[in-house]
N, C-alpha and C. Protein backbone atom coordinates (compact mmCIF):
# COMPACT_ATOMS: atom_id res chain seq x y z
N GLN A 1 84.08 117.68 84.27
CA GLN A 1 84.11 116.29 83.84
C GLN A 1 85.24 115.56 84.56
N VAL A 2 85.20 114.24 84.47
CA VAL A 2 86.21 113.42 85.13
C VAL A 2 87.57 113.67 84.49
N GLN A 3 88.57 113.92 85.35
CA GLN A 3 89.95 114.02 84.89
C GLN A 3 90.82 113.13 85.75
N LEU A 4 91.71 112.40 85.10
CA LEU A 4 92.60 111.47 85.78
C LEU A 4 94.01 111.70 85.28
N VAL A 5 94.94 111.89 86.20
CA VAL A 5 96.33 112.17 85.82
C VAL A 5 97.24 111.18 86.55
N GLU A 6 97.83 110.27 85.77
CA GLU A 6 98.71 109.26 86.33
C GLU A 6 100.16 109.75 86.35
N SER A 7 100.91 109.28 87.33
CA SER A 7 102.33 109.62 87.42
C SER A 7 103.06 108.55 88.22
N GLY A 8 104.39 108.61 88.18
CA GLY A 8 105.19 107.72 89.00
C GLY A 8 105.87 106.59 88.26
N GLY A 9 105.61 106.46 86.98
CA GLY A 9 106.26 105.40 86.23
C GLY A 9 107.74 105.65 86.02
N GLY A 10 108.41 104.66 85.43
CA GLY A 10 109.82 104.81 85.16
C GLY A 10 110.44 103.51 84.74
N LEU A 11 111.77 103.53 84.64
CA LEU A 11 112.55 102.35 84.27
C LEU A 11 113.19 101.79 85.53
N VAL A 12 112.90 100.54 85.82
CA VAL A 12 113.47 99.88 86.99
C VAL A 12 113.99 98.51 86.61
N GLN A 13 114.81 97.95 87.50
CA GLN A 13 115.32 96.60 87.29
C GLN A 13 114.38 95.58 87.92
N PRO A 14 114.41 94.35 87.45
CA PRO A 14 113.58 93.30 88.07
C PRO A 14 113.84 93.23 89.58
N GLY A 15 112.76 93.07 90.34
CA GLY A 15 112.85 92.99 91.79
C GLY A 15 112.69 94.32 92.50
N GLU A 16 112.78 95.40 91.76
CA GLU A 16 112.63 96.72 92.37
C GLU A 16 111.16 97.11 92.51
N SER A 17 110.95 98.31 93.08
CA SER A 17 109.60 98.77 93.37
C SER A 17 109.32 100.13 92.74
N LEU A 18 108.05 100.40 92.54
CA LEU A 18 107.57 101.71 92.10
C LEU A 18 106.24 101.97 92.76
N ARG A 19 105.92 103.25 92.95
CA ARG A 19 104.59 103.63 93.42
C ARG A 19 103.98 104.58 92.38
N LEU A 20 102.87 104.18 91.85
CA LEU A 20 102.13 105.00 90.90
C LEU A 20 101.07 105.81 91.65
N SER A 21 100.79 106.99 91.12
CA SER A 21 99.74 107.84 91.67
C SER A 21 98.78 108.23 90.57
N CYS A 22 97.53 108.42 90.95
CA CYS A 22 96.51 108.91 90.02
C CYS A 22 95.72 109.99 90.75
N ALA A 23 95.88 111.22 90.29
CA ALA A 23 95.14 112.34 90.85
C ALA A 23 93.84 112.51 90.08
N ALA A 24 92.73 112.51 90.81
CA ALA A 24 91.41 112.57 90.19
C ALA A 24 90.73 113.90 90.49
N SER A 25 89.92 114.36 89.56
CA SER A 25 89.14 115.58 89.78
C SER A 25 87.88 115.52 88.92
N GLY A 26 86.94 116.41 89.24
CA GLY A 26 85.72 116.50 88.45
C GLY A 26 84.58 115.65 88.97
N PHE A 27 84.78 114.97 90.09
CA PHE A 27 83.72 114.16 90.68
C PHE A 27 84.01 113.96 92.15
N THR A 28 83.03 113.43 92.87
CA THR A 28 83.18 113.19 94.31
C THR A 28 83.96 111.90 94.51
N PHE A 29 85.28 112.05 94.60
CA PHE A 29 86.20 110.92 94.57
C PHE A 29 85.83 109.84 95.59
N ARG A 30 85.53 110.24 96.81
CA ARG A 30 85.34 109.26 97.89
C ARG A 30 84.13 108.36 97.65
N ALA A 31 83.24 108.76 96.76
CA ALA A 31 82.00 108.02 96.54
C ALA A 31 82.13 106.90 95.51
N TYR A 32 83.27 106.81 94.85
CA TYR A 32 83.38 105.90 93.71
C TYR A 32 84.57 104.96 93.82
N ALA A 33 84.40 103.79 93.21
CA ALA A 33 85.49 102.84 93.09
C ALA A 33 86.53 103.35 92.11
N MET A 34 87.75 102.89 92.30
CA MET A 34 88.86 103.23 91.41
C MET A 34 89.59 101.96 91.01
N SER A 35 90.17 101.99 89.84
CA SER A 35 90.89 100.82 89.34
C SER A 35 92.19 101.24 88.66
N TRP A 36 93.12 100.32 88.62
CA TRP A 36 94.32 100.45 87.79
C TRP A 36 94.26 99.39 86.70
N TYR A 37 94.56 99.82 85.49
CA TYR A 37 94.67 98.94 84.35
C TYR A 37 96.08 99.09 83.76
N ARG A 38 96.44 98.15 82.91
CA ARG A 38 97.69 98.29 82.18
C ARG A 38 97.53 97.73 80.77
N GLN A 39 98.37 98.25 79.89
CA GLN A 39 98.35 97.79 78.51
C GLN A 39 99.78 97.65 78.03
N ALA A 40 100.15 96.43 77.72
CA ALA A 40 101.47 96.15 77.17
C ALA A 40 101.41 96.23 75.64
N PRO A 41 102.54 96.44 75.00
CA PRO A 41 102.55 96.54 73.53
C PRO A 41 101.94 95.31 72.88
N GLY A 42 101.01 95.53 71.97
CA GLY A 42 100.39 94.43 71.25
C GLY A 42 99.36 93.64 72.04
N LYS A 43 99.05 94.10 73.24
CA LYS A 43 98.09 93.37 74.07
C LYS A 43 96.91 94.25 74.43
N GLN A 44 95.83 93.61 74.87
CA GLN A 44 94.67 94.36 75.30
C GLN A 44 94.89 94.95 76.69
N ARG A 45 94.19 96.02 76.97
CA ARG A 45 94.24 96.61 78.31
C ARG A 45 93.63 95.63 79.29
N GLU A 46 94.27 95.46 80.45
CA GLU A 46 93.79 94.50 81.44
C GLU A 46 93.68 95.16 82.81
N LEU A 47 92.72 94.68 83.58
CA LEU A 47 92.53 95.17 84.95
C LEU A 47 93.62 94.59 85.84
N VAL A 48 94.24 95.47 86.60
CA VAL A 48 95.31 95.06 87.52
C VAL A 48 94.82 95.02 88.96
N ALA A 49 94.13 96.08 89.38
CA ALA A 49 93.69 96.18 90.77
C ALA A 49 92.49 97.11 90.85
N HIS A 50 91.67 96.86 91.88
CA HIS A 50 90.42 97.60 92.05
C HIS A 50 90.22 97.87 93.53
N ILE A 51 89.71 99.07 93.83
CA ILE A 51 89.39 99.39 95.22
C ILE A 51 88.02 100.06 95.24
N THR A 52 87.16 99.58 96.11
CA THR A 52 85.82 100.17 96.22
C THR A 52 85.87 101.47 97.01
N ASN A 53 84.75 102.17 97.04
CA ASN A 53 84.72 103.40 97.84
C ASN A 53 84.85 103.07 99.32
N GLY A 54 84.54 101.84 99.71
CA GLY A 54 84.67 101.43 101.09
C GLY A 54 86.04 100.86 101.45
N GLY A 55 86.90 100.73 100.44
CA GLY A 55 88.26 100.28 100.70
C GLY A 55 88.52 98.80 100.43
N SER A 56 87.52 98.06 99.98
CA SER A 56 87.75 96.66 99.62
C SER A 56 88.55 96.59 98.33
N THR A 57 89.43 95.60 98.27
CA THR A 57 90.34 95.51 97.12
C THR A 57 90.28 94.13 96.46
N ASN A 58 90.62 94.10 95.19
CA ASN A 58 90.90 92.83 94.54
C ASN A 58 91.93 93.05 93.44
N TYR A 59 92.58 91.95 93.06
CA TYR A 59 93.75 92.02 92.19
C TYR A 59 93.72 90.94 91.12
N ALA A 60 94.37 91.24 90.02
CA ALA A 60 94.63 90.21 89.02
C ALA A 60 95.55 89.16 89.63
N ASP A 61 95.37 87.92 89.24
CA ASP A 61 96.20 86.84 89.80
C ASP A 61 97.68 87.10 89.57
N SER A 62 98.01 87.73 88.47
CA SER A 62 99.42 87.93 88.11
C SER A 62 100.14 88.92 89.03
N VAL A 63 99.39 89.70 89.80
CA VAL A 63 100.04 90.70 90.66
C VAL A 63 99.73 90.50 92.14
N LYS A 64 98.90 89.52 92.47
CA LYS A 64 98.56 89.27 93.88
C LYS A 64 99.80 89.01 94.70
N GLY A 65 99.87 89.67 95.85
CA GLY A 65 101.00 89.50 96.74
C GLY A 65 102.17 90.42 96.42
N ARG A 66 102.12 91.09 95.27
CA ARG A 66 103.21 92.00 94.89
C ARG A 66 102.73 93.46 94.79
N PHE A 67 101.49 93.65 94.36
CA PHE A 67 100.95 95.00 94.18
C PHE A 67 99.91 95.28 95.26
N THR A 68 99.83 96.55 95.64
CA THR A 68 98.82 96.99 96.60
C THR A 68 98.18 98.27 96.10
N ILE A 69 96.86 98.29 96.04
CA ILE A 69 96.13 99.49 95.67
C ILE A 69 95.59 100.12 96.95
N PHE A 70 95.71 101.44 97.06
CA PHE A 70 95.13 102.14 98.20
C PHE A 70 94.76 103.54 97.77
N ARG A 71 93.97 104.19 98.59
CA ARG A 71 93.46 105.51 98.22
C ARG A 71 93.55 106.48 99.39
N ASN A 72 93.68 107.75 99.06
CA ASN A 72 93.64 108.83 100.03
C ASN A 72 92.52 109.76 99.59
N ASN A 73 91.37 109.65 100.23
CA ASN A 73 90.22 110.43 99.81
C ASN A 73 90.41 111.93 100.08
N ALA A 74 91.23 112.27 101.05
CA ALA A 74 91.49 113.68 101.33
C ALA A 74 92.29 114.33 100.19
N LYS A 75 93.06 113.51 99.49
CA LYS A 75 93.88 114.02 98.38
C LYS A 75 93.31 113.68 97.01
N ASN A 76 92.16 113.03 96.98
CA ASN A 76 91.56 112.61 95.72
C ASN A 76 92.55 111.83 94.86
N THR A 77 93.27 110.92 95.49
CA THR A 77 94.33 110.21 94.81
C THR A 77 94.26 108.71 95.12
N VAL A 78 94.49 107.92 94.10
CA VAL A 78 94.61 106.48 94.26
C VAL A 78 96.04 106.09 93.87
N TYR A 79 96.57 105.11 94.58
CA TYR A 79 97.95 104.70 94.40
C TYR A 79 98.04 103.22 94.03
N LEU A 80 99.15 102.86 93.42
CA LEU A 80 99.45 101.46 93.18
C LEU A 80 100.91 101.24 93.58
N GLN A 81 101.08 100.55 94.70
CA GLN A 81 102.42 100.19 95.15
C GLN A 81 102.79 98.88 94.48
N MET A 82 103.88 98.89 93.73
CA MET A 82 104.30 97.72 92.96
C MET A 82 105.66 97.27 93.47
N ASN A 83 105.69 96.08 94.04
CA ASN A 83 106.93 95.50 94.56
C ASN A 83 107.32 94.27 93.73
N SER A 84 108.56 93.87 93.86
CA SER A 84 109.06 92.68 93.17
C SER A 84 108.68 92.69 91.69
N LEU A 85 108.97 93.81 91.06
CA LEU A 85 108.56 93.97 89.66
C LEU A 85 109.28 92.97 88.75
N LYS A 86 108.54 92.56 87.72
CA LYS A 86 109.04 91.58 86.75
C LYS A 86 109.00 92.20 85.34
N PRO A 87 109.79 91.70 84.44
CA PRO A 87 109.75 92.24 83.07
C PRO A 87 108.34 92.20 82.47
N GLU A 88 107.57 91.20 82.83
CA GLU A 88 106.21 91.10 82.28
C GLU A 88 105.25 92.14 82.85
N ASP A 89 105.70 92.91 83.82
CA ASP A 89 104.89 94.04 84.31
C ASP A 89 105.05 95.29 83.44
N THR A 90 105.95 95.23 82.49
CA THR A 90 106.17 96.37 81.60
C THR A 90 104.91 96.69 80.82
N ALA A 91 104.46 97.94 80.92
CA ALA A 91 103.20 98.36 80.29
C ALA A 91 102.99 99.84 80.57
N VAL A 92 101.99 100.40 79.90
CA VAL A 92 101.48 101.71 80.29
C VAL A 92 100.35 101.45 81.28
N TYR A 93 100.42 102.14 82.42
CA TYR A 93 99.44 101.95 83.47
C TYR A 93 98.47 103.14 83.50
N TYR A 94 97.19 102.80 83.62
CA TYR A 94 96.12 103.79 83.63
C TYR A 94 95.23 103.61 84.85
N CYS A 95 94.65 104.70 85.33
CA CYS A 95 93.60 104.55 86.34
C CYS A 95 92.25 104.84 85.70
N ASN A 96 91.22 104.42 86.42
CA ASN A 96 89.86 104.52 85.89
C ASN A 96 88.91 104.56 87.07
N THR A 97 87.72 105.13 86.83
CA THR A 97 86.71 105.19 87.88
C THR A 97 85.37 104.74 87.35
N ASN A 98 84.57 104.14 88.20
CA ASN A 98 83.24 103.75 87.75
C ASN A 98 82.29 104.94 87.71
N ARG A 99 82.79 106.12 88.09
CA ARG A 99 82.00 107.34 87.90
C ARG A 99 81.80 107.58 86.40
N ASP A 100 82.85 107.29 85.64
CA ASP A 100 82.79 107.42 84.18
C ASP A 100 83.88 106.52 83.61
N SER A 101 83.50 105.31 83.29
CA SER A 101 84.49 104.32 82.85
C SER A 101 85.06 104.63 81.46
N THR A 102 84.51 105.62 80.78
CA THR A 102 85.04 105.98 79.46
C THR A 102 86.16 107.00 79.55
N SER A 103 86.40 107.53 80.76
CA SER A 103 87.44 108.55 80.91
C SER A 103 88.76 107.89 81.28
N TRP A 104 89.79 108.23 80.53
CA TRP A 104 91.12 107.70 80.77
C TRP A 104 92.12 108.85 80.77
N GLY A 105 93.14 108.72 81.60
CA GLY A 105 94.23 109.67 81.57
C GLY A 105 95.23 109.31 80.50
N GLN A 106 96.40 109.96 80.56
CA GLN A 106 97.42 109.72 79.55
C GLN A 106 98.23 108.47 79.86
N GLY A 107 98.11 107.97 81.06
CA GLY A 107 98.87 106.79 81.46
C GLY A 107 100.28 107.14 81.89
N THR A 108 100.92 106.17 82.52
CA THR A 108 102.32 106.33 82.92
C THR A 108 103.07 105.04 82.56
N GLN A 109 104.22 105.21 81.92
CA GLN A 109 104.97 104.06 81.41
C GLN A 109 105.79 103.43 82.53
N VAL A 110 105.66 102.12 82.66
CA VAL A 110 106.49 101.34 83.57
C VAL A 110 107.29 100.34 82.73
N THR A 111 108.59 100.41 82.85
CA THR A 111 109.47 99.50 82.13
C THR A 111 110.35 98.77 83.13
N VAL A 112 110.29 97.44 83.10
CA VAL A 112 111.09 96.62 84.00
C VAL A 112 112.09 95.84 83.14
N SER A 113 113.35 96.19 83.29
CA SER A 113 114.37 95.60 82.44
C SER A 113 115.72 95.68 83.12
N SER A 114 116.53 94.66 82.89
CA SER A 114 117.89 94.67 83.41
C SER A 114 118.85 95.22 82.35
């Protein structure tokens, strides 16, 4: 079955960067789109970034120009490079695949605070 394991979160100051990773298994990774979502306390989970199996990307308006999603099909891993982080980026970040959109990993906490 689909398994997704997120990592790379942490506590950073505003303006700093982080790179999140999501290791996927249980399906043919290169054939499917991947997405990053986030959920802040008291808020609904929201889509942050999406990458198709062909490498096309799109982003939430709130992160355009600061975040980059990319994938390494040889490693079955999708990444989220986050630059110029803001306190409002604080959330648990999750990856997801359209192979099985009901499967979620444990998430990785990102906290942006001075």
